[in-house]
Each structure stands twice: as C-alpha cells, then as structure tokens.
C-alpha cells in the first residue's frame, strides 16, 4: 500500500491489465480507470498482439510486479467501469476476507442487452498458467481459495459496460468468437435483441457468427489475413444486411 498524501493513510495498490486490439471504447476505459478514487492504480495496456500472445504477455507483466500490489483487475479495452469507486469497493471485499483470491462481477452487455460474466479480479496469490489453447487463453488462473461470484457480488452489478459503441470489425469478432465457443444461447439472444431493437453493432456481431466456419477456427485474431478477408468479404457484399437479417430470424426462432 502507498500513503495518501492528504491523510497519511495507506491506499491499496491496484494493477489494471487491459488488452487492446482497436476496440472503440479504449479511451473511455482509460479515463475511468485513471479517475478511480482511494486507490493507487497502475494501468498496463498491451496493444495489438494476437489474443493468445497478448494474454501471455499480460500474465508475465503481472507476475513480475505482483508483490507490489494488493489486487489485479482485468479490464478489457471494450469495457468501461461504472464509476470512480469500482476498484476501491472490490478491494474492500478482498481486504475483509483474506481467503478471497478472486471475484467475477457482472457487466451490462450491449449485444445482448443483459448482464454477462465479465469483470475479473485476482489477489497476488493466484497463479496464471501457460496454455496452448488459443480459444480459451484467458481461463488459466489457479491456486484459488475462495472466489466471489453470483449472489455474493450481485449488489455490484452492473460493475461496468461492455461494448457500448463497438466498431463493425470489433462486433464481427465478438460474434465469431461466440459461435466458435458454441455459445448458441448467447447468439440467439443477440438475434432476438437485434430484431427487437436493431443496432449496427448487433448486426455485425451476427455477421461474425454467421461467418464462423472450420477454415476460420484458428484465424480469428484481428490481424489475421483470413479473419480480415472474411470481414471484408461480408462488408463488401451489397446484400449483407438482408443476409444477416435472415440469419437473425433463423437464430431467434430456435428453441
């Protein structure tokens, strides 16, 4: 902890890790992180690496400094914290129970217009393992004692906002990933909300889901040539809106 210049009391030190690949919300994400009150924040932004390599770089950055911090918050570049008290509020939950090593708090998601699992926090006791799984490269935290989720942190939801103003390629990437992860219910929900409320971001997310194919499975990073080709091919198709609308209707009609 670091002394507060005004009061002399010790402030918790928070390491915030963010992966950035061109998401539209980065500057707003940065601004709210910088505005956090009653904590000392170091914001580490890792830019424009493939997803697997970006996560590995973030874990290494955290591991090299974890002894200097009280908490690690993973705040993606497409996520904006709710207000300036988020980090101090979550840190207080960890401080109140020394067995707490992790917390997952719900975000409001633009695509589905509902709460989703999203914002994750870790104590320095957590160990991040290396993985060769490029699709689930963020699920590598180990050495937990007690993780707060569900009802234990429901009062904090929504703790932030996910993809409130996505770029077309960003939304396409979201839908493509969700289809590869077999999150059929989520894709169906996006389709239902799109048909009810519209939204260009939702349309492009469905375009990404519609474009999922075996030949793209290991080529879903933003900078990948096949990924860009798939996005460019759909966006240049003059009938893409009608094709995506038909796909949405089909998805929404599934039980």
Protein backbone atom coordinates (compact mmCIF):
# COMPACT_ATOMS: atom_id res chain seq x y z
CA UNK A 1 0.00 0.00 0.00
CA UNK A 2 1.01 3.63 -0.58
CA UNK A 3 0.36 6.54 1.84
CA UNK A 4 -2.33 9.01 0.81
CA UNK A 5 -0.71 12.44 0.55
CA UNK A 6 -3.73 14.15 2.14
CA UNK A 7 -4.41 11.86 5.09
CA UNK A 8 -1.28 9.76 5.54
CA UNK A 9 -3.37 6.56 5.43
CA UNK A 10 -2.30 3.66 3.26
CA UNK A 11 -4.04 3.29 -0.08
CA UNK A 12 -4.43 -0.08 -1.79
CA UNK A 13 -2.34 -0.56 -4.92
CA UNK A 14 -4.27 -1.93 -7.91
CA UNK A 15 -2.75 -3.34 -11.10
CA UNK A 16 -5.17 -2.99 -14.03
CA UNK A 17 -4.44 -5.07 -17.10
CA UNK A 18 -6.03 -4.24 -20.46
CA UNK A 19 -5.67 -5.93 -23.85
CA UNK A 20 -6.26 -3.63 -26.83
CA UNK A 21 -6.80 -4.57 -30.47
CA UNK A 22 -8.53 -1.50 -31.83
CA UNK A 23 -11.67 -1.52 -29.65
CA UNK A 24 -13.68 1.70 -29.82
CA UNK A 25 -14.02 2.11 -26.05
CA UNK A 26 -10.31 2.27 -25.10
CA UNK A 27 -10.05 5.99 -24.33
CA UNK A 28 -13.17 5.94 -22.16
CA UNK A 29 -11.86 2.80 -20.48
CA UNK A 30 -8.57 4.55 -19.72
CA UNK A 31 -10.27 7.69 -18.42
CA UNK A 32 -12.44 5.91 -15.87
CA UNK A 33 -9.54 3.74 -14.68
CA UNK A 34 -7.43 6.87 -14.20
CA UNK A 35 -10.25 8.53 -12.24
CA UNK A 36 -10.54 5.76 -9.61
CA UNK A 37 -10.63 7.12 -6.07
CA UNK A 38 -8.99 5.89 -2.83
CA UNK A 39 -6.58 3.56 -4.63
CA UNK A 40 -3.26 3.82 -6.43
CA UNK A 41 -3.59 2.43 -9.95
CA UNK A 42 -1.04 1.21 -12.46
CA UNK A 43 -2.71 0.65 -15.83
CA UNK A 44 -0.89 -1.76 -18.13
CA UNK A 45 -2.24 -1.68 -21.70
CA UNK A 46 -0.95 -4.33 -24.09
CA UNK A 47 -1.67 -3.39 -27.68
CA UNK A 48 -2.14 -5.12 -31.00
CA UNK A 49 -0.89 -8.62 -30.24
CA UNK A 50 -2.72 -11.83 -31.20
CA UNK A 51 -5.08 -12.81 -28.37
CA UNK A 52 -3.04 -15.74 -27.07
CA UNK A 53 0.24 -13.81 -27.09
CA UNK A 54 -1.45 -10.77 -25.53
CA UNK A 55 -2.73 -12.82 -22.60
CA UNK A 56 0.65 -14.47 -22.09
CA UNK A 57 2.30 -11.04 -22.07
CA UNK A 58 -0.23 -9.73 -19.54
CA UNK A 59 0.28 -12.69 -17.20
CA UNK A 60 4.05 -12.17 -17.38
CA UNK A 61 3.68 -8.44 -16.68
CA UNK A 62 1.54 -9.15 -13.62
CA UNK A 63 3.78 -11.92 -12.32
CA UNK A 64 6.80 -9.62 -12.45
CA UNK A 65 5.23 -6.98 -10.17
CA UNK A 66 2.52 -8.81 -8.17
CA UNK A 67 4.47 -8.45 -4.91
CA UNK A 68 3.98 -4.70 -5.11
CA UNK A 69 0.17 -4.78 -5.46
CA UNK A 70 -2.93 -5.71 -3.46
CA UNK A 71 -5.18 -6.59 -6.41
CA UNK A 72 -5.14 -7.37 -10.13
CA UNK A 73 -8.15 -6.21 -12.17
CA UNK A 74 -8.51 -7.41 -15.78
CA UNK A 75 -10.45 -4.69 -17.58
CA UNK A 76 -10.71 -5.32 -21.30
CA UNK A 77 -10.40 -2.40 -23.74
CA UNK A 78 -14.07 -2.77 -24.69
CA UNK A 79 -15.17 -2.33 -21.07
CA UNK A 80 -15.87 0.91 -19.17
CA UNK A 81 -16.12 0.79 -15.38
CA UNK A 82 -19.40 2.06 -13.89
CA UNK A 83 -17.89 4.86 -11.80
CA UNK A 84 -14.81 6.05 -9.91
CA UNK A 85 -15.40 3.82 -6.87
CA UNK A 86 -15.32 0.38 -8.51
CA UNK A 87 -11.75 -0.61 -7.66
CA UNK A 88 -11.84 0.58 -4.05
CA UNK A 89 -15.18 -1.18 -3.50
CA UNK A 90 -13.92 -4.50 -4.83
CA UNK A 91 -10.61 -4.19 -2.97
CA UNK A 92 -12.59 -3.80 0.26
CA UNK A 93 -14.20 -7.22 -0.33
CA UNK A 94 -10.78 -8.83 -0.62
CA UNK A 95 -9.48 -6.98 2.44
CA UNK A 96 -12.49 -8.10 4.51
CA UNK A 97 -11.79 -11.81 3.92
CA UNK A 98 -8.20 -12.93 3.47
CA UNK A 99 -9.36 -16.21 1.90
CA UNK A 100 -10.81 -14.37 -1.09
CA UNK A 101 -8.48 -14.82 -4.06
CA UNK A 102 -10.83 -13.96 -6.92
CA UNK A 103 -14.06 -12.22 -7.88
CA UNK A 104 -16.17 -12.12 -11.01
CA UNK A 105 -18.76 -9.37 -11.28
CA UNK A 106 -21.41 -8.94 -13.97
CA UNK A 107 -21.25 -6.32 -16.72
CA UNK A 108 -24.05 -4.90 -18.81
CA UNK A 109 -23.51 -6.11 -22.36
CA UNK A 110 -24.65 -4.06 -25.37
CA UNK A 111 -25.01 -7.04 -27.70
CA UNK A 112 -27.41 -9.00 -25.50
CA UNK A 113 -28.81 -6.03 -23.53
CA UNK A 114 -28.39 -8.02 -20.33
CA UNK A 115 -25.89 -8.82 -17.59
CA UNK A 116 -22.99 -11.09 -18.51
CA UNK A 117 -19.99 -12.50 -16.68
CA UNK A 118 -17.10 -10.24 -17.46
CA UNK A 119 -15.02 -8.29 -14.96
CA UNK A 120 -12.45 -10.40 -13.11
CA UNK A 121 -10.27 -9.61 -10.11
CA UNK A 122 -7.42 -11.62 -8.59
CA UNK A 123 -5.30 -11.50 -5.45
CA UNK A 124 -1.50 -11.84 -5.73
CA UNK A 125 -1.86 -15.45 -4.55
CA UNK A 126 -3.40 -16.50 -7.85
CA UNK A 127 -1.07 -18.22 -10.30
CA UNK A 128 -1.55 -17.93 -14.05
CA UNK A 129 -0.51 -20.94 -16.12
CA UNK A 130 0.61 -21.03 -19.72
CA UNK A 131 -1.74 -22.71 -22.18
CA UNK A 132 -1.66 -23.77 -25.81
CA UNK A 133 -5.44 -23.35 -26.13
CA UNK A 134 -5.84 -20.25 -28.28
CA UNK A 135 -9.64 -20.11 -27.93
CA UNK A 136 -9.74 -20.16 -24.11
CA UNK A 137 -6.43 -18.47 -23.33
CA UNK A 138 -7.99 -16.36 -20.55
CA UNK A 139 -9.02 -19.33 -18.40
CA UNK A 140 -5.70 -20.11 -16.76
CA UNK A 141 -5.94 -18.76 -13.20
CA UNK A 142 -5.12 -21.30 -10.48
CA UNK A 143 -4.30 -21.52 -6.76
CA UNK A 144 -7.63 -20.07 -5.65
CA UNK A 145 -9.04 -20.38 -2.15
CA UNK A 146 -12.34 -18.51 -2.41
CA UNK A 147 -13.88 -16.83 -5.46
CA UNK A 148 -16.72 -14.35 -5.08
CA UNK A 149 -19.42 -14.55 -7.75
CA UNK A 150 -23.18 -14.87 -8.08
CA UNK A 151 -25.15 -13.64 -5.09
CA UNK A 152 -22.01 -12.63 -3.18
CA UNK A 153 -21.37 -9.76 -5.61
CA UNK A 154 -24.82 -9.27 -7.17
CA UNK A 155 -25.14 -5.90 -5.43
CA UNK A 156 -22.26 -4.57 -7.56
CA UNK A 157 -23.88 -5.33 -10.92
CA UNK A 158 -23.56 -3.86 -13.39
CA UNK A 159 -19.99 -3.03 -12.47
CA UNK A 160 -19.34 -1.70 -15.95
CA UNK A 161 -20.46 -1.62 -19.55
CA UNK A 162 -19.31 -3.93 -22.31
CA UNK A 163 -19.06 -2.82 -25.94
CA UNK A 164 -21.41 0.15 -25.70
CA UNK A 165 -20.21 1.56 -29.03
CA UNK A 166 -18.40 -1.19 -30.96
CA UNK A 167 -16.73 -0.81 -34.33
CA UNK A 168 -18.03 -3.09 -37.06
CA UNK A 169 -14.94 -5.31 -37.09
CA UNK A 170 -14.97 -5.46 -33.28
CA UNK A 171 -18.59 -6.65 -33.26
CA UNK A 172 -17.85 -9.14 -36.05
CA UNK A 173 -15.00 -10.55 -33.93
CA UNK A 174 -17.32 -10.85 -30.91
CA UNK A 175 -19.92 -12.87 -32.84
CA UNK A 176 -17.31 -15.07 -34.50
CA UNK A 177 -15.74 -15.95 -31.15
CA UNK A 178 -19.10 -16.70 -29.53
CA UNK A 179 -20.01 -19.08 -32.31
CA UNK A 180 -16.66 -20.88 -32.08
CA UNK A 181 -17.16 -21.20 -28.32
CA UNK A 182 -20.56 -22.80 -29.03
CA UNK A 183 -22.39 -20.12 -27.06
CA UNK A 184 -25.55 -20.73 -29.05
CA UNK A 185 -27.89 -19.26 -26.43
CA UNK A 186 -25.93 -16.00 -26.44
CA UNK A 187 -26.00 -15.76 -30.25
CA UNK A 188 -29.74 -16.44 -30.16
CA UNK A 189 -30.19 -13.67 -27.59
CA UNK A 190 -28.25 -11.20 -29.78
CA UNK A 191 -30.52 -12.13 -32.69
CA UNK A 192 -33.64 -11.55 -30.61
CA UNK A 193 -32.46 -8.15 -29.37
CA UNK A 194 -31.38 -7.13 -32.87
CA UNK A 195 -34.79 -7.98 -34.31
CA UNK A 196 -36.48 -6.06 -31.49
CA UNK A 197 -34.18 -3.05 -31.07
CA UNK A 198 -31.84 -3.03 -34.05
CA UNK A 199 -28.31 -1.70 -33.71
CA UNK A 200 -25.47 -1.82 -36.21
CA UNK A 201 -23.15 -3.41 -33.66
CA UNK A 202 -25.56 -6.27 -33.10
CA UNK A 203 -25.92 -6.71 -36.84
CA UNK A 204 -22.16 -7.10 -37.27
CA UNK A 205 -21.94 -9.47 -34.29
CA UNK A 206 -24.47 -11.68 -36.05
CA UNK A 207 -22.46 -11.30 -39.23
CA UNK A 208 -19.46 -12.69 -37.38
CA UNK A 209 -21.48 -15.59 -36.02
CA UNK A 210 -22.84 -16.26 -39.50
CA UNK A 211 -19.30 -16.30 -40.91
CA UNK A 212 -17.94 -18.91 -38.47
CA UNK A 213 -16.51 -21.85 -40.39
CA UNK A 214 -13.86 -24.51 -39.93
CA UNK A 215 -11.34 -22.65 -42.08
CA UNK A 216 -11.54 -19.62 -39.75
CA UNK A 217 -11.31 -21.50 -36.45
CA UNK A 218 -7.63 -20.77 -35.80
CA UNK A 219 -7.67 -17.46 -37.66
CA UNK A 220 -9.83 -15.17 -35.54
CA UNK A 221 -7.26 -12.60 -34.40
CA UNK A 222 -7.85 -9.07 -35.68
CA UNK A 223 -4.64 -9.01 -37.68
CA UNK A 224 -5.03 -12.45 -39.21
CA UNK A 225 -5.25 -12.39 -43.00
CA UNK A 226 -8.13 -14.90 -43.17
CA UNK A 227 -10.08 -13.03 -40.49
CA UNK A 228 -9.73 -9.73 -42.36
CA UNK A 229 -10.68 -11.43 -45.61
CA UNK A 230 -13.86 -12.83 -44.05
CA UNK A 231 -14.84 -9.43 -42.62
CA UNK A 232 -14.01 -7.56 -45.81
CA UNK A 233 -15.91 -10.10 -47.90
CA UNK A 234 -19.07 -9.67 -45.86
CA UNK A 235 -18.85 -5.90 -45.55
CA UNK A 236 -18.38 -5.50 -49.31
CA UNK A 237 -21.39 -7.69 -50.09
CA UNK A 238 -24.17 -5.27 -51.04
CA UNK A 239 -26.71 -7.80 -49.71
CA UNK A 240 -25.02 -8.28 -46.32
CA UNK A 241 -27.79 -6.60 -44.31
CA UNK A 242 -30.52 -8.80 -45.76
CA UNK A 243 -28.39 -11.93 -45.33
CA UNK A 244 -27.66 -11.08 -41.69
CA UNK A 245 -31.32 -10.28 -41.08
CA UNK A 246 -32.31 -13.70 -42.44
CA UNK A 247 -29.67 -15.33 -40.23
CA UNK A 248 -31.01 -13.41 -37.21
CA UNK A 249 -34.56 -14.59 -37.86
CA UNK A 250 -33.38 -18.17 -38.12
CA UNK A 251 -31.37 -17.94 -34.90
CA UNK A 252 -34.18 -16.23 -32.99
CA UNK A 253 -36.68 -18.91 -33.99
CA UNK A 254 -34.63 -21.75 -32.46
CA UNK A 255 -35.95 -23.15 -29.19
